[in-house]
Amino acid sequence: PPLIMSLIPGVENSLLVSLGALLGGLVATFLYESKRRKINLHGCTTKTTCTVEKGKTIALCRCWQSSTFPFCDGTHVKLNLTGENVGPALVTATEQRLVAQRGPCKVHVEAGSTYYWCQCGRSKQQPFCDGSHKDTGLEPLEFKAEKTEDLFFCACKQTKAPPLCDGSHNSLEW
């Protein structure tokens, strides 16, 4: 299943933001390089997006000459006239859990009841799933209450003891 990508592990960046940031940097390079040589952008805009399956890697063009821009087609190898071979930026898709909130959600659970904890952080019904995980590669975690009690469910989605809070939100950078 397609997943959102992250360029920096542990930092929540959607594929769109990641590509936007990378391509934004390339725009600055383009402005500088366009004075040295003519660059053909093939009608591409910085709004190009794609979906990548978990574990798959894509190569993004950094020479601005690819016929499949923003993706690399190896054209940079032919353009290596000065010895400054600008190779592609490689991006690998990973699962991404969004921080829903900074602390846990206190929930009164009933003995024998089943709850589905949101792992992706996208649900509007935190800490439980509302189906927003579609196309993330993440599924809700089933939790069966053994007794009636108040529990603290993780909402930062970084817990090492899912679905319950283990205090991981205290070590997150805000």
N, C-alpha and C. Protein backbone atom coordinates (compact mmCIF):
# COMPACT_ATOMS: atom_id res chain seq x y z
N PRO A 1 0.83 -1.21 0.00
CA PRO A 1 0.00 0.00 0.00
C PRO A 1 0.86 1.25 0.00
N PRO A 2 0.40 2.30 -0.65
CA PRO A 2 1.18 3.54 -0.69
C PRO A 2 1.31 4.16 0.68
N LEU A 3 2.41 4.83 0.90
CA LEU A 3 2.66 5.45 2.20
C LEU A 3 3.16 6.87 2.04
N ILE A 4 3.02 7.61 3.08
CA ILE A 4 3.61 8.94 3.12
C ILE A 4 5.09 8.76 3.36
N MET A 5 5.88 9.67 2.82
CA MET A 5 7.32 9.54 2.91
C MET A 5 7.91 10.52 3.89
N SER A 6 9.07 10.18 4.40
CA SER A 6 9.78 11.08 5.31
C SER A 6 11.23 11.14 4.87
N LEU A 7 11.76 12.33 4.66
CA LEU A 7 13.16 12.46 4.29
C LEU A 7 14.07 12.34 5.49
N ILE A 8 13.60 12.75 6.66
CA ILE A 8 14.40 12.71 7.87
C ILE A 8 13.69 11.82 8.87
N PRO A 9 14.24 10.64 9.22
CA PRO A 9 13.56 9.76 10.16
C PRO A 9 13.24 10.48 11.46
N GLY A 10 12.01 10.27 11.96
CA GLY A 10 11.60 10.86 13.21
C GLY A 10 11.00 12.25 13.07
N VAL A 11 11.02 12.80 11.87
CA VAL A 11 10.44 14.12 11.65
C VAL A 11 9.24 13.93 10.75
N GLU A 12 8.09 14.47 11.11
CA GLU A 12 6.86 14.29 10.37
C GLU A 12 6.81 15.19 9.15
N ASN A 13 7.14 14.66 8.01
CA ASN A 13 7.07 15.38 6.75
C ASN A 13 6.26 14.55 5.78
N SER A 14 5.22 15.10 5.20
CA SER A 14 4.47 14.36 4.19
C SER A 14 5.28 14.36 2.91
N LEU A 15 4.92 13.49 2.00
CA LEU A 15 5.60 13.44 0.71
C LEU A 15 5.53 14.79 0.03
N LEU A 16 4.36 15.43 0.09
CA LEU A 16 4.21 16.72 -0.57
C LEU A 16 5.16 17.75 0.02
N VAL A 17 5.27 17.79 1.35
CA VAL A 17 6.16 18.75 2.00
C VAL A 17 7.61 18.39 1.67
N SER A 18 7.94 17.11 1.70
CA SER A 18 9.31 16.68 1.40
C SER A 18 9.71 17.06 -0.01
N LEU A 19 8.84 16.72 -0.97
CA LEU A 19 9.15 17.07 -2.36
C LEU A 19 9.18 18.58 -2.54
N GLY A 20 8.24 19.26 -1.88
CA GLY A 20 8.19 20.72 -1.98
C GLY A 20 9.46 21.37 -1.48
N ALA A 21 9.96 20.88 -0.33
CA ALA A 21 11.19 21.44 0.24
C ALA A 21 12.38 21.17 -0.68
N LEU A 22 12.47 19.92 -1.16
CA LEU A 22 13.58 19.57 -2.04
C LEU A 22 13.51 20.38 -3.32
N LEU A 23 12.34 20.42 -3.92
CA LEU A 23 12.20 21.16 -5.17
C LEU A 23 12.35 22.65 -4.95
N GLY A 24 11.96 23.15 -3.78
CA GLY A 24 12.17 24.56 -3.46
C GLY A 24 13.65 24.90 -3.47
N GLY A 25 14.47 24.01 -2.90
CA GLY A 25 15.92 24.21 -2.93
C GLY A 25 16.45 24.15 -4.34
N LEU A 26 15.85 23.29 -5.15
CA LEU A 26 16.27 23.19 -6.53
C LEU A 26 15.94 24.46 -7.32
N VAL A 27 14.86 25.14 -6.94
CA VAL A 27 14.51 26.39 -7.60
C VAL A 27 15.62 27.41 -7.42
N ALA A 28 16.17 27.48 -6.19
CA ALA A 28 17.27 28.40 -5.93
C ALA A 28 18.48 28.04 -6.80
N THR A 29 18.76 26.74 -6.90
CA THR A 29 19.86 26.29 -7.75
C THR A 29 19.58 26.67 -9.20
N PHE A 30 18.33 26.47 -9.63
CA PHE A 30 17.94 26.81 -10.99
C PHE A 30 18.21 28.28 -11.29
N LEU A 31 17.81 29.16 -10.37
CA LEU A 31 18.00 30.59 -10.59
C LEU A 31 19.47 30.93 -10.76
N TYR A 32 20.34 30.27 -9.96
CA TYR A 32 21.77 30.49 -10.06
C TYR A 32 22.33 29.88 -11.36
N GLU A 33 21.96 28.62 -11.61
CA GLU A 33 22.51 27.90 -12.76
C GLU A 33 21.99 28.44 -14.09
N SER A 34 20.79 29.02 -14.10
CA SER A 34 20.23 29.49 -15.37
C SER A 34 21.07 30.59 -15.98
N LYS A 35 21.87 31.26 -15.18
CA LYS A 35 22.76 32.30 -15.70
C LYS A 35 23.95 31.68 -16.41
N ARG A 36 24.31 30.44 -16.04
CA ARG A 36 25.47 29.76 -16.64
C ARG A 36 25.09 28.98 -17.88
N ARG A 37 23.91 28.36 -17.90
CA ARG A 37 23.49 27.55 -19.04
C ARG A 37 21.97 27.51 -19.13
N LYS A 38 21.46 27.19 -20.28
CA LYS A 38 20.02 27.09 -20.49
C LYS A 38 19.51 25.79 -19.88
N ILE A 39 18.49 25.88 -19.02
CA ILE A 39 17.93 24.70 -18.37
C ILE A 39 16.52 24.46 -18.87
N ASN A 40 16.26 23.24 -19.32
CA ASN A 40 14.95 22.87 -19.83
C ASN A 40 14.15 22.19 -18.72
N LEU A 41 13.07 22.82 -18.27
CA LEU A 41 12.29 22.28 -17.16
C LEU A 41 11.18 21.34 -17.62
N HIS A 42 10.97 21.16 -18.91
CA HIS A 42 9.97 20.24 -19.44
C HIS A 42 8.58 20.53 -18.88
N GLY A 43 8.28 21.77 -18.58
CA GLY A 43 6.96 22.14 -18.11
C GLY A 43 6.62 21.67 -16.70
N CYS A 44 7.59 21.22 -15.94
CA CYS A 44 7.33 20.72 -14.60
C CYS A 44 7.13 21.86 -13.61
N THR A 45 6.29 21.64 -12.63
CA THR A 45 6.13 22.60 -11.54
C THR A 45 6.55 21.94 -10.24
N THR A 46 6.73 22.72 -9.20
CA THR A 46 7.12 22.16 -7.90
C THR A 46 5.95 21.51 -7.18
N LYS A 47 4.79 21.42 -7.82
CA LYS A 47 3.62 20.79 -7.20
C LYS A 47 3.49 19.33 -7.58
N THR A 48 4.47 18.76 -8.28
CA THR A 48 4.42 17.37 -8.67
C THR A 48 4.48 16.47 -7.43
N THR A 49 3.57 15.51 -7.34
CA THR A 49 3.55 14.57 -6.21
C THR A 49 3.47 13.15 -6.74
N CYS A 50 3.78 12.19 -5.89
CA CYS A 50 3.65 10.79 -6.26
C CYS A 50 3.43 9.98 -4.99
N THR A 51 2.99 8.76 -5.18
CA THR A 51 2.80 7.84 -4.07
C THR A 51 3.82 6.72 -4.22
N VAL A 52 4.48 6.36 -3.14
CA VAL A 52 5.51 5.33 -3.17
C VAL A 52 5.19 4.27 -2.12
N GLU A 53 5.32 3.01 -2.48
CA GLU A 53 5.06 1.94 -1.53
C GLU A 53 6.17 1.86 -0.50
N LYS A 54 5.82 1.37 0.70
CA LYS A 54 6.79 1.23 1.79
C LYS A 54 8.00 0.42 1.32
N GLY A 55 9.17 0.94 1.64
CA GLY A 55 10.41 0.25 1.31
C GLY A 55 10.93 0.55 -0.09
N LYS A 56 10.12 1.15 -0.94
CA LYS A 56 10.55 1.50 -2.29
C LYS A 56 11.31 2.82 -2.25
N THR A 57 12.25 2.99 -3.16
CA THR A 57 13.04 4.21 -3.24
C THR A 57 12.82 4.86 -4.60
N ILE A 58 12.69 6.18 -4.60
CA ILE A 58 12.60 6.92 -5.86
C ILE A 58 13.82 7.83 -5.96
N ALA A 59 14.19 8.15 -7.17
CA ALA A 59 15.33 9.04 -7.42
C ALA A 59 14.79 10.34 -8.00
N LEU A 60 15.03 11.44 -7.29
CA LEU A 60 14.59 12.75 -7.74
C LEU A 60 15.73 13.48 -8.44
N CYS A 61 15.43 14.06 -9.59
CA CYS A 61 16.42 14.76 -10.40
C CYS A 61 16.94 16.01 -9.70
N ARG A 62 18.26 16.21 -9.76
CA ARG A 62 18.87 17.44 -9.23
C ARG A 62 19.63 18.21 -10.30
N CYS A 63 19.67 17.68 -11.54
CA CYS A 63 20.38 18.39 -12.60
C CYS A 63 19.42 19.22 -13.45
N TRP A 64 18.14 19.04 -13.27
CA TRP A 64 17.08 19.77 -13.96
C TRP A 64 17.00 19.44 -15.46
N GLN A 65 17.63 18.38 -15.91
CA GLN A 65 17.63 18.06 -17.33
C GLN A 65 16.89 16.76 -17.65
N SER A 66 16.38 16.06 -16.66
CA SER A 66 15.71 14.78 -16.87
C SER A 66 14.48 14.92 -17.74
N SER A 67 14.29 13.99 -18.67
CA SER A 67 13.08 14.00 -19.51
C SER A 67 11.87 13.52 -18.72
N THR A 68 12.10 12.99 -17.51
CA THR A 68 11.01 12.52 -16.66
C THR A 68 10.94 13.35 -15.38
N PHE A 69 11.42 14.60 -15.45
CA PHE A 69 11.47 15.47 -14.28
C PHE A 69 10.10 15.49 -13.59
N PRO A 70 10.06 15.40 -12.26
CA PRO A 70 11.10 15.58 -11.26
C PRO A 70 11.89 14.32 -10.94
N PHE A 71 11.66 13.24 -11.70
CA PHE A 71 12.36 12.00 -11.44
C PHE A 71 13.62 11.89 -12.29
N CYS A 72 14.64 11.26 -11.76
CA CYS A 72 15.93 11.13 -12.44
C CYS A 72 15.84 10.08 -13.55
N ASP A 73 16.41 10.40 -14.70
CA ASP A 73 16.51 9.43 -15.80
C ASP A 73 17.97 9.16 -16.18
N GLY A 74 18.91 9.66 -15.37
CA GLY A 74 20.33 9.43 -15.62
C GLY A 74 20.98 10.45 -16.52
N THR A 75 20.25 11.46 -16.96
CA THR A 75 20.80 12.49 -17.85
C THR A 75 22.00 13.19 -17.24
N HIS A 76 22.05 13.30 -15.93
CA HIS A 76 23.16 13.99 -15.26
C HIS A 76 24.52 13.39 -15.61
N VAL A 77 24.54 12.11 -15.93
CA VAL A 77 25.81 11.45 -16.27
C VAL A 77 26.36 12.03 -17.59
N LYS A 78 25.46 12.25 -18.57
CA LYS A 78 25.87 12.80 -19.86
C LYS A 78 26.31 14.27 -19.74
N LEU A 79 25.76 14.95 -18.75
CA LEU A 79 26.03 16.38 -18.58
C LEU A 79 27.26 16.66 -17.74
N ASN A 80 27.96 15.66 -17.34
CA ASN A 80 29.08 15.82 -16.42
C ASN A 80 30.31 16.36 -17.16
N LEU A 81 30.18 17.57 -17.68
CA LEU A 81 31.26 18.17 -18.45
C LEU A 81 32.33 18.80 -17.57
N THR A 82 31.97 19.22 -16.37
CA THR A 82 32.91 19.92 -15.50
C THR A 82 33.41 19.04 -14.35
N GLY A 83 32.93 17.81 -14.29
CA GLY A 83 33.31 16.94 -13.18
C GLY A 83 32.43 17.11 -11.95
N GLU A 84 31.44 17.97 -12.06
CA GLU A 84 30.49 18.21 -10.97
C GLU A 84 29.23 17.40 -11.23
N ASN A 85 29.32 16.09 -11.10
CA ASN A 85 28.21 15.20 -11.41
C ASN A 85 27.16 15.28 -10.30
N VAL A 86 26.08 15.99 -10.55
CA VAL A 86 25.01 16.12 -9.57
C VAL A 86 24.07 14.94 -9.75
N GLY A 87 24.22 13.94 -8.89
CA GLY A 87 23.38 12.75 -8.95
C GLY A 87 22.02 13.00 -8.34
N PRO A 88 21.15 12.00 -8.39
CA PRO A 88 19.79 12.16 -7.89
C PRO A 88 19.73 12.18 -6.36
N ALA A 89 18.62 12.73 -5.85
CA ALA A 89 18.31 12.64 -4.42
C ALA A 89 17.47 11.38 -4.26
N LEU A 90 17.91 10.45 -3.44
CA LEU A 90 17.19 9.20 -3.23
C LEU A 90 16.28 9.33 -2.01
N VAL A 91 15.01 8.98 -2.18
CA VAL A 91 14.02 9.09 -1.11
C VAL A 91 13.35 7.74 -0.95
N THR A 92 13.31 7.24 0.29
CA THR A 92 12.69 5.95 0.57
C THR A 92 11.44 6.15 1.42
N ALA A 93 10.38 5.48 1.03
CA ALA A 93 9.10 5.59 1.76
C ALA A 93 9.17 4.83 3.08
N THR A 94 8.63 5.44 4.12
CA THR A 94 8.54 4.81 5.43
C THR A 94 7.16 5.04 6.00
N GLU A 95 6.80 4.22 6.98
CA GLU A 95 5.54 4.46 7.68
C GLU A 95 5.70 5.74 8.49
N GLN A 96 4.62 6.47 8.61
CA GLN A 96 4.72 7.73 9.35
C GLN A 96 3.52 7.87 10.27
N ARG A 97 3.82 7.98 11.54
CA ARG A 97 2.80 8.22 12.54
C ARG A 97 2.82 9.70 12.89
N LEU A 98 1.67 10.35 12.78
CA LEU A 98 1.57 11.77 13.12
C LEU A 98 1.26 11.92 14.60
N VAL A 99 1.81 12.95 15.21
CA VAL A 99 1.51 13.25 16.61
C VAL A 99 0.13 13.89 16.66
N ALA A 100 -0.82 13.21 17.29
CA ALA A 100 -2.20 13.73 17.36
C ALA A 100 -2.31 14.81 18.44
N GLN A 101 -1.64 14.59 19.56
CA GLN A 101 -1.59 15.60 20.61
C GLN A 101 -0.40 15.34 21.50
N ARG A 102 -0.06 16.30 22.35
CA ARG A 102 1.17 16.25 23.15
C ARG A 102 1.11 15.30 24.34
N GLY A 103 -0.04 14.95 24.79
CA GLY A 103 -0.16 14.07 25.95
C GLY A 103 -1.18 12.98 25.70
N PRO A 104 -1.37 12.10 26.69
CA PRO A 104 -2.28 10.97 26.51
C PRO A 104 -3.75 11.38 26.59
N CYS A 105 -4.61 10.48 26.18
CA CYS A 105 -6.06 10.65 26.28
C CYS A 105 -6.56 9.75 27.40
N LYS A 106 -7.20 10.33 28.40
CA LYS A 106 -7.78 9.54 29.49
C LYS A 106 -9.11 8.99 29.00
N VAL A 107 -9.26 7.66 29.06
CA VAL A 107 -10.46 7.00 28.56
C VAL A 107 -10.99 6.04 29.61
N HIS A 108 -12.29 6.09 29.85
CA HIS A 108 -12.94 5.13 30.75
C HIS A 108 -13.33 3.92 29.89
N VAL A 109 -12.69 2.78 30.13
CA VAL A 109 -12.98 1.56 29.36
C VAL A 109 -13.84 0.62 30.18
N GLU A 110 -14.65 -0.17 29.49
CA GLU A 110 -15.54 -1.14 30.12
C GLU A 110 -15.01 -2.54 29.91
N ALA A 111 -15.03 -3.34 30.98
CA ALA A 111 -14.57 -4.73 30.92
C ALA A 111 -15.27 -5.48 29.78
N GLY A 112 -14.49 -6.20 28.98
CA GLY A 112 -15.03 -6.99 27.88
C GLY A 112 -15.24 -6.22 26.59
N SER A 113 -15.12 -4.90 26.63
CA SER A 113 -15.31 -4.09 25.42
C SER A 113 -14.03 -4.06 24.59
N THR A 114 -14.22 -3.91 23.28
CA THR A 114 -13.10 -3.84 22.35
C THR A 114 -12.98 -2.42 21.80
N TYR A 115 -11.74 -1.94 21.76
CA TYR A 115 -11.46 -0.58 21.27
C TYR A 115 -10.40 -0.69 20.18
N TYR A 116 -10.43 0.22 19.23
CA TYR A 116 -9.46 0.22 18.14
C TYR A 116 -8.66 1.51 18.19
N TRP A 117 -7.42 1.38 18.67
CA TRP A 117 -6.53 2.52 18.86
C TRP A 117 -5.94 2.96 17.53
N CYS A 118 -6.00 4.24 17.26
CA CYS A 118 -5.45 4.83 16.05
C CYS A 118 -3.92 4.83 16.15
N GLN A 119 -3.26 4.21 15.17
CA GLN A 119 -1.79 4.21 15.14
C GLN A 119 -1.21 5.30 14.25
N CYS A 120 -2.02 5.80 13.31
CA CYS A 120 -1.49 6.74 12.32
C CYS A 120 -1.50 8.19 12.80
N GLY A 121 -2.37 8.52 13.76
CA GLY A 121 -2.45 9.88 14.28
C GLY A 121 -3.37 10.79 13.47
N ARG A 122 -4.02 10.26 12.45
CA ARG A 122 -4.86 11.09 11.58
C ARG A 122 -6.33 11.13 11.99
N SER A 123 -6.75 10.23 12.86
CA SER A 123 -8.15 10.14 13.27
C SER A 123 -8.62 11.42 13.95
N LYS A 124 -9.85 11.79 13.68
CA LYS A 124 -10.48 12.93 14.35
C LYS A 124 -11.18 12.47 15.63
N GLN A 125 -11.13 11.17 15.92
CA GLN A 125 -11.77 10.59 17.10
C GLN A 125 -10.71 10.05 18.08
N GLN A 126 -9.61 10.76 18.23
CA GLN A 126 -8.50 10.30 19.09
C GLN A 126 -8.98 9.94 20.48
N PRO A 127 -8.43 8.87 21.04
CA PRO A 127 -7.30 8.07 20.55
C PRO A 127 -7.72 6.91 19.66
N PHE A 128 -8.99 6.89 19.24
CA PHE A 128 -9.49 5.74 18.49
C PHE A 128 -9.58 6.00 17.00
N CYS A 129 -9.63 4.92 16.24
CA CYS A 129 -9.61 4.96 14.78
C CYS A 129 -10.95 5.42 14.22
N ASP A 130 -10.89 6.23 13.16
CA ASP A 130 -12.09 6.62 12.40
C ASP A 130 -11.93 6.28 10.91
N GLY A 131 -10.90 5.50 10.58
CA GLY A 131 -10.67 5.10 9.19
C GLY A 131 -9.75 6.03 8.42
N SER A 132 -9.21 7.05 9.05
CA SER A 132 -8.35 8.02 8.36
C SER A 132 -7.01 7.44 7.95
N HIS A 133 -6.69 6.24 8.37
CA HIS A 133 -5.39 5.62 8.06
C HIS A 133 -5.31 5.10 6.62
N LYS A 134 -6.38 5.20 5.86
CA LYS A 134 -6.39 4.67 4.50
C LYS A 134 -5.16 5.15 3.73
N ASP A 135 -4.50 4.25 3.06
CA ASP A 135 -3.31 4.52 2.23
C ASP A 135 -2.07 4.91 3.03
N THR A 136 -2.04 4.64 4.35
CA THR A 136 -0.85 4.95 5.13
C THR A 136 -0.01 3.71 5.39
N GLY A 137 -0.59 2.53 5.23
CA GLY A 137 0.11 1.30 5.56
C GLY A 137 -0.01 0.95 7.03
N LEU A 138 -0.70 1.78 7.79
CA LEU A 138 -0.90 1.54 9.21
C LEU A 138 -2.35 1.12 9.45
N GLU A 139 -2.55 0.22 10.37
CA GLU A 139 -3.88 -0.27 10.72
C GLU A 139 -4.13 0.01 12.20
N PRO A 140 -5.40 0.12 12.61
CA PRO A 140 -5.68 0.33 14.03
C PRO A 140 -5.29 -0.90 14.84
N LEU A 141 -4.97 -0.68 16.10
CA LEU A 141 -4.59 -1.76 17.00
C LEU A 141 -5.79 -2.11 17.88
N GLU A 142 -6.17 -3.37 17.87
CA GLU A 142 -7.30 -3.83 18.68
C GLU A 142 -6.88 -3.93 20.15
N PHE A 143 -7.72 -3.41 21.03
CA PHE A 143 -7.47 -3.46 22.47
C PHE A 143 -8.74 -3.95 23.17
N LYS A 144 -8.62 -5.04 23.96
CA LYS A 144 -9.76 -5.57 24.71
C LYS A 144 -9.56 -5.26 26.19
N ALA A 145 -10.50 -4.53 26.74
CA ALA A 145 -10.41 -4.16 28.16
C ALA A 145 -10.70 -5.37 29.03
N GLU A 146 -9.79 -5.64 29.96
CA GLU A 146 -9.97 -6.76 30.88
C GLU A 146 -10.82 -6.38 32.08
N LYS A 147 -10.79 -5.09 32.43
CA LYS A 147 -11.61 -4.63 33.54
C LYS A 147 -12.06 -3.20 33.29
N THR A 148 -13.08 -2.80 34.00
CA THR A 148 -13.59 -1.44 33.89
C THR A 148 -12.67 -0.51 34.68
N GLU A 149 -12.11 0.47 33.99
CA GLU A 149 -11.16 1.39 34.63
C GLU A 149 -10.85 2.56 33.72
N ASP A 150 -10.16 3.54 34.24
CA ASP A 150 -9.67 4.66 33.45
C ASP A 150 -8.25 4.32 32.99
N LEU A 151 -7.99 4.48 31.71
CA LEU A 151 -6.66 4.23 31.15
C LEU A 151 -6.21 5.46 30.37
N PHE A 152 -4.89 5.59 30.21
CA PHE A 152 -4.32 6.68 29.45
C PHE A 152 -3.77 6.12 28.14
N PHE A 153 -4.49 6.42 27.04
CA PHE A 153 -4.09 5.95 25.73
C PHE A 153 -3.13 6.96 25.10
N CYS A 154 -2.12 6.45 24.44
CA CYS A 154 -1.11 7.29 23.79
C CYS A 154 -1.75 8.10 22.66
N ALA A 155 -1.43 9.38 22.59
CA ALA A 155 -1.91 10.23 21.50
C ALA A 155 -0.75 10.79 20.67
N CYS A 156 0.49 10.64 21.16
CA CYS A 156 1.63 11.10 20.36
C CYS A 156 2.05 10.03 19.35
N LYS A 157 1.56 8.82 19.54
CA LYS A 157 1.79 7.68 18.63
C LYS A 157 3.23 7.19 18.62
N GLN A 158 4.00 7.57 19.63
CA GLN A 158 5.40 7.16 19.71
C GLN A 158 5.65 6.16 20.83
N THR A 159 4.60 5.73 21.53
CA THR A 159 4.73 4.82 22.65
C THR A 159 5.40 3.50 22.28
N LYS A 160 6.14 2.95 23.21
CA LYS A 160 6.76 1.63 23.02
C LYS A 160 5.87 0.55 23.63
N ALA A 161 4.73 0.97 24.21
CA ALA A 161 3.79 0.05 24.84
C ALA A 161 2.37 0.30 24.32
N PRO A 162 2.17 0.24 23.00
CA PRO A 162 0.87 0.56 22.44
C PRO A 162 -0.24 -0.38 22.95
N PRO A 163 -1.42 0.16 23.18
CA PRO A 163 -1.89 1.50 22.87
C PRO A 163 -1.76 2.49 24.02
N LEU A 164 -1.17 2.03 25.12
CA LEU A 164 -1.13 2.88 26.31
C LEU A 164 0.07 3.82 26.31
N CYS A 165 -0.09 4.95 26.96
CA CYS A 165 0.96 5.95 27.06
C CYS A 165 2.10 5.44 27.93
N ASP A 166 3.33 5.65 27.48
CA ASP A 166 4.50 5.30 28.28
C ASP A 166 5.36 6.53 28.57
N GLY A 167 4.82 7.71 28.29
CA GLY A 167 5.55 8.95 28.55
C GLY A 167 6.45 9.39 27.42
N SER A 168 6.41 8.69 26.28
CA SER A 168 7.28 9.05 25.14
C SER A 168 7.08 10.49 24.69
N HIS A 169 5.89 11.04 24.89
CA HIS A 169 5.62 12.42 24.46
C HIS A 169 6.52 13.42 25.20
N ASN A 170 7.02 13.03 26.36
CA ASN A 170 7.90 13.92 27.12
C ASN A 170 9.26 14.12 26.48
N SER A 171 9.65 13.20 25.60
CA SER A 171 10.97 13.31 24.95
C SER A 171 10.88 13.81 23.51
N LEU A 172 9.67 14.14 23.05
CA LEU A 172 9.52 14.64 21.69
C LEU A 172 9.92 16.11 21.63
N GLU A 173 10.52 16.51 20.52
CA GLU A 173 10.87 17.92 20.33
C GLU A 173 9.66 18.65 19.80
N TRP A 174 9.30 19.71 20.43
CA TRP A 174 8.13 20.49 19.99
C TRP A 174 8.63 21.77 19.45
